[in-house]
Protein backbone atom coordinates (compact mmCIF):
# COMPACT_ATOMS: atom_id res chain seq x y z
CA MET A 1 0.00 0.00 0.00
CA LYS A 2 1.33 3.42 -0.91
CA THR A 3 2.04 6.01 1.73
CA ASN A 4 -0.39 8.51 0.19
CA THR A 5 -3.20 5.94 0.25
CA LEU A 6 -2.52 5.12 3.88
CA ILE A 7 -2.46 8.81 4.85
CA ALA A 8 -5.70 9.37 2.91
CA ILE A 9 -7.45 6.53 4.73
CA VAL A 10 -6.26 7.85 8.12
CA LEU A 11 -7.49 11.37 7.25
CA ILE A 12 -10.88 10.03 6.19
CA ALA A 13 -11.19 8.07 9.44
CA ILE A 14 -10.20 11.10 11.54
CA GLY A 15 -12.68 13.27 9.62
CA ILE A 16 -15.52 10.83 10.27
CA LEU A 17 -14.62 10.61 13.97
CA ALA A 18 -14.40 14.41 14.27
CA LEU A 19 -17.86 14.76 12.74
CA ALA A 20 -19.29 12.02 14.95
CA TYR A 21 -17.90 13.20 18.30
CA GLN A 22 -17.55 16.97 17.68
CA GLY A 23 -15.19 17.33 20.62
CA ILE A 24 -12.60 15.65 22.80
CA THR A 25 -13.54 15.16 26.46
CA TYR A 26 -10.85 14.68 29.07
CA THR A 27 -10.72 14.55 32.87
CA THR A 28 -8.43 16.60 35.11
CA GLN A 29 -7.86 16.51 38.84
CA GLU A 30 -7.85 19.84 40.62
CA LYS A 31 -7.08 20.60 44.23
CA VAL A 32 -10.13 21.87 46.06
CA VAL A 33 -8.75 22.05 49.62
CA ASP A 34 -5.11 22.11 50.69
CA LEU A 35 -4.83 22.51 54.49
CA GLY A 36 -1.48 21.05 55.51
CA PRO A 37 -1.83 17.27 55.57
CA ILE A 38 -5.47 17.44 54.44
CA GLN A 39 -5.88 17.58 50.70
CA MET A 40 -9.02 17.16 48.66
CA THR A 41 -9.15 16.86 44.90
CA ALA A 42 -12.03 16.89 42.49
CA GLU A 43 -12.22 15.39 39.04
CA LYS A 44 -13.56 17.76 36.43
CA GLN A 45 -14.45 16.89 32.88
CA LYS A 46 -13.46 19.38 30.25
CA THR A 47 -14.30 19.37 26.57
CA PHE A 48 -12.15 20.61 23.72
CA PRO A 49 -14.70 21.38 21.00
CA LEU A 50 -14.04 20.48 17.37
CA PRO A 51 -16.04 22.55 14.91
CA PRO A 52 -17.71 20.57 12.11
CA VAL A 53 -15.54 22.48 9.63
CA VAL A 54 -12.48 20.62 10.95
CA GLY A 55 -14.12 17.24 10.35
CA ILE A 56 -15.34 18.22 6.90
CA ALA A 57 -11.95 19.64 5.88
CA THR A 58 -10.13 16.52 7.08
CA LEU A 59 -12.61 14.23 5.34
CA VAL A 60 -12.44 16.17 2.05
CA GLY A 61 -8.64 16.33 2.25
CA GLY A 62 -8.46 12.56 2.68
CA ILE A 63 -10.82 11.97 -0.25
CA VAL A 64 -8.87 14.36 -2.49
CA LEU A 65 -5.58 12.71 -1.55
CA LEU A 66 -7.07 9.29 -2.24
CA VAL A 67 -8.40 10.34 -5.66
CA LEU A 68 -5.14 12.05 -6.64
CA GLY A 69 -3.18 8.98 -5.54
CA LYS A 70 -5.30 6.73 -7.76
CA LYS A 71 -4.82 9.04 -10.78
CA ASN A 72 -1.04 9.16 -10.42
CA GLY A 73 -0.63 5.47 -9.59
């Protein structure tokens, strides 16, 4: 398999995932109370939003790369 074809398939997969999830959620631990030996932490979920334009651009880029790879190969 050519490198361009592999990259195109990966871009298409990432584009589909970006459109499906529309954001990356991750969990962080933050200190709530810090009084000497007593420490309390809380887990907070944060979301890094991915606009649909990112997913569409990645998907289209992968398709274009795949089509151009087939024409040249």
